[in-house]
Amino acid sequence: MENQDDLRAIKAQYEVPADLGACHTAVIEEYVIEGHVPANAIRRVLRERPRIRGLAVPGMPAGSPGMEAPGRPAEPYRIFMFDKGRTVGVFGTGSGSKVGKDL
């Protein structure tokens, strides 16, 4: 693991679309994970091996993994797939600790 203060070069290297940017970027095997992506979505992508570059949860939705706060309601959010610098679809949805049935 390597921590970086400026992730712009990392995001550019791994072709994370600008509109999907978030505060965290990780590489797991050949997939890029951008933002607060739920662990079950990561496990699913590693199991199914879709032909994408990665998954992203843009911003910091309240209630997403790592963004839980007592008394703060969870926001619904989408888990996007991306490839070669562009969004290619929705991989799943989430709301707090609950993740959509499609995961």
Protein backbone atom coordinates (compact mmCIF):
# COMPACT_ATOMS: atom_id res chain seq x y z
CA MET A 1 0.00 0.00 0.00
CA GLU A 2 1.22 3.47 -0.83
CA ASN A 3 -0.41 6.66 0.43
CA GLN A 4 -0.35 9.74 -1.79
CA ASP A 5 -1.39 13.30 -0.98
CA ASP A 6 -2.14 14.22 -4.59
CA LEU A 7 -4.16 11.59 -6.43
CA ARG A 8 -4.59 13.48 -9.71
CA ALA A 9 -1.71 11.65 -11.40
CA ILE A 10 -2.93 8.30 -10.07
CA LYS A 11 -6.48 8.94 -11.31
CA ALA A 12 -5.11 9.95 -14.71
CA GLN A 13 -2.84 6.90 -14.89
CA TYR A 14 -5.76 4.55 -14.18
CA GLU A 15 -8.21 6.50 -16.38
CA VAL A 16 -10.74 7.36 -13.69
CA PRO A 17 -13.37 9.63 -15.30
CA ALA A 18 -13.28 13.12 -13.80
CA ASP A 19 -17.01 13.04 -12.97
CA LEU A 20 -16.53 9.86 -10.92
CA GLY A 21 -13.68 11.20 -8.82
CA ALA A 22 -13.65 10.70 -5.08
CA CYS A 23 -11.27 10.97 -2.14
CA HIS A 24 -9.80 7.45 -2.36
CA THR A 25 -8.30 5.45 -5.23
CA ALA A 26 -7.20 1.84 -4.87
CA VAL A 27 -6.03 -0.86 -7.26
CA ILE A 28 -7.08 -4.41 -6.47
CA GLU A 29 -5.71 -6.93 -8.91
CA GLU A 30 -6.49 -5.36 -12.31
CA TYR A 31 -9.43 -3.24 -11.08
CA VAL A 32 -9.45 0.37 -9.92
CA ILE A 33 -11.73 1.14 -6.98
CA GLU A 34 -12.64 4.81 -6.67
CA GLY A 35 -14.34 6.20 -3.57
CA HIS A 36 -16.48 4.48 -0.96
CA VAL A 37 -17.31 1.30 -2.90
CA PRO A 38 -18.94 -1.39 -0.71
CA ALA A 39 -16.88 -4.53 -0.08
CA ASN A 40 -19.55 -6.81 -1.56
CA ALA A 41 -19.35 -4.90 -4.86
CA ILE A 42 -15.58 -5.39 -4.88
CA ARG A 43 -15.98 -9.11 -4.15
CA ARG A 44 -18.52 -9.37 -6.98
CA VAL A 45 -16.27 -7.67 -9.53
CA LEU A 46 -13.38 -9.96 -8.53
CA ARG A 47 -15.62 -13.00 -8.86
CA GLU A 48 -17.32 -12.08 -12.15
CA ARG A 49 -14.34 -10.38 -13.83
CA PRO A 50 -16.26 -7.96 -16.09
CA ARG A 51 -14.26 -6.29 -18.85
CA ILE A 52 -14.10 -2.88 -17.18
CA ARG A 53 -11.33 -0.78 -15.65
CA GLY A 54 -13.05 -0.26 -12.33
CA LEU A 55 -15.85 0.74 -9.99
CA ALA A 56 -16.59 4.14 -8.51
CA VAL A 57 -18.84 5.80 -5.96
CA PRO A 58 -18.32 9.51 -6.66
CA GLY A 59 -18.28 12.01 -3.84
CA MET A 60 -18.82 10.94 -0.28
CA PRO A 61 -22.47 9.83 0.09
CA ALA A 62 -23.70 9.82 3.67
CA GLY A 63 -23.99 6.28 4.94
CA SER A 64 -21.72 4.73 2.31
CA PRO A 65 -18.93 2.54 3.72
CA GLY A 66 -16.78 4.73 5.94
CA MET A 67 -19.25 7.61 5.84
CA GLU A 68 -21.73 6.36 8.43
CA ALA A 69 -22.63 8.91 11.12
CA PRO A 70 -25.08 8.58 14.02
CA GLY A 71 -28.19 10.65 13.43
CA ARG A 72 -27.31 11.32 9.80
CA PRO A 73 -29.61 9.55 7.33
CA ALA A 74 -28.03 7.41 4.63
CA GLU A 75 -28.24 8.69 1.06
CA PRO A 76 -28.99 6.39 -1.85
CA TYR A 77 -26.04 6.14 -4.22
CA ARG A 78 -24.95 4.37 -7.40
CA ILE A 79 -21.88 2.24 -7.96
CA PHE A 80 -20.64 3.05 -11.45
CA MET A 81 -18.51 0.99 -13.82
CA PHE A 82 -15.90 2.78 -15.90
CA ASP A 83 -13.44 1.93 -18.64
CA LYS A 84 -10.88 3.98 -20.58
CA GLY A 85 -11.83 7.27 -18.93
CA ARG A 86 -15.59 7.02 -19.41
CA THR A 87 -18.59 5.78 -17.45
CA VAL A 88 -20.01 2.59 -18.96
CA GLY A 89 -22.95 1.83 -16.68
CA VAL A 90 -24.29 1.22 -13.19
CA PHE A 91 -22.95 -1.84 -11.38
CA GLY A 92 -25.34 -1.54 -8.44
CA THR A 93 -26.93 0.76 -5.91
CA GLY A 94 -26.55 1.33 -2.22
CA SER A 95 -28.10 3.14 0.71
CA GLY A 96 -26.17 3.06 3.94
CA SER A 97 -25.20 -0.46 4.83
CA LYS A 98 -27.89 -1.82 2.50
CA VAL A 99 -26.87 -2.61 -1.04
CA GLY A 100 -29.23 -3.09 -3.97
CA LYS A 101 -30.45 -6.56 -4.89
CA ASP A 102 -28.37 -6.43 -8.05
CA LEU A 103 -25.27 -7.05 -5.95
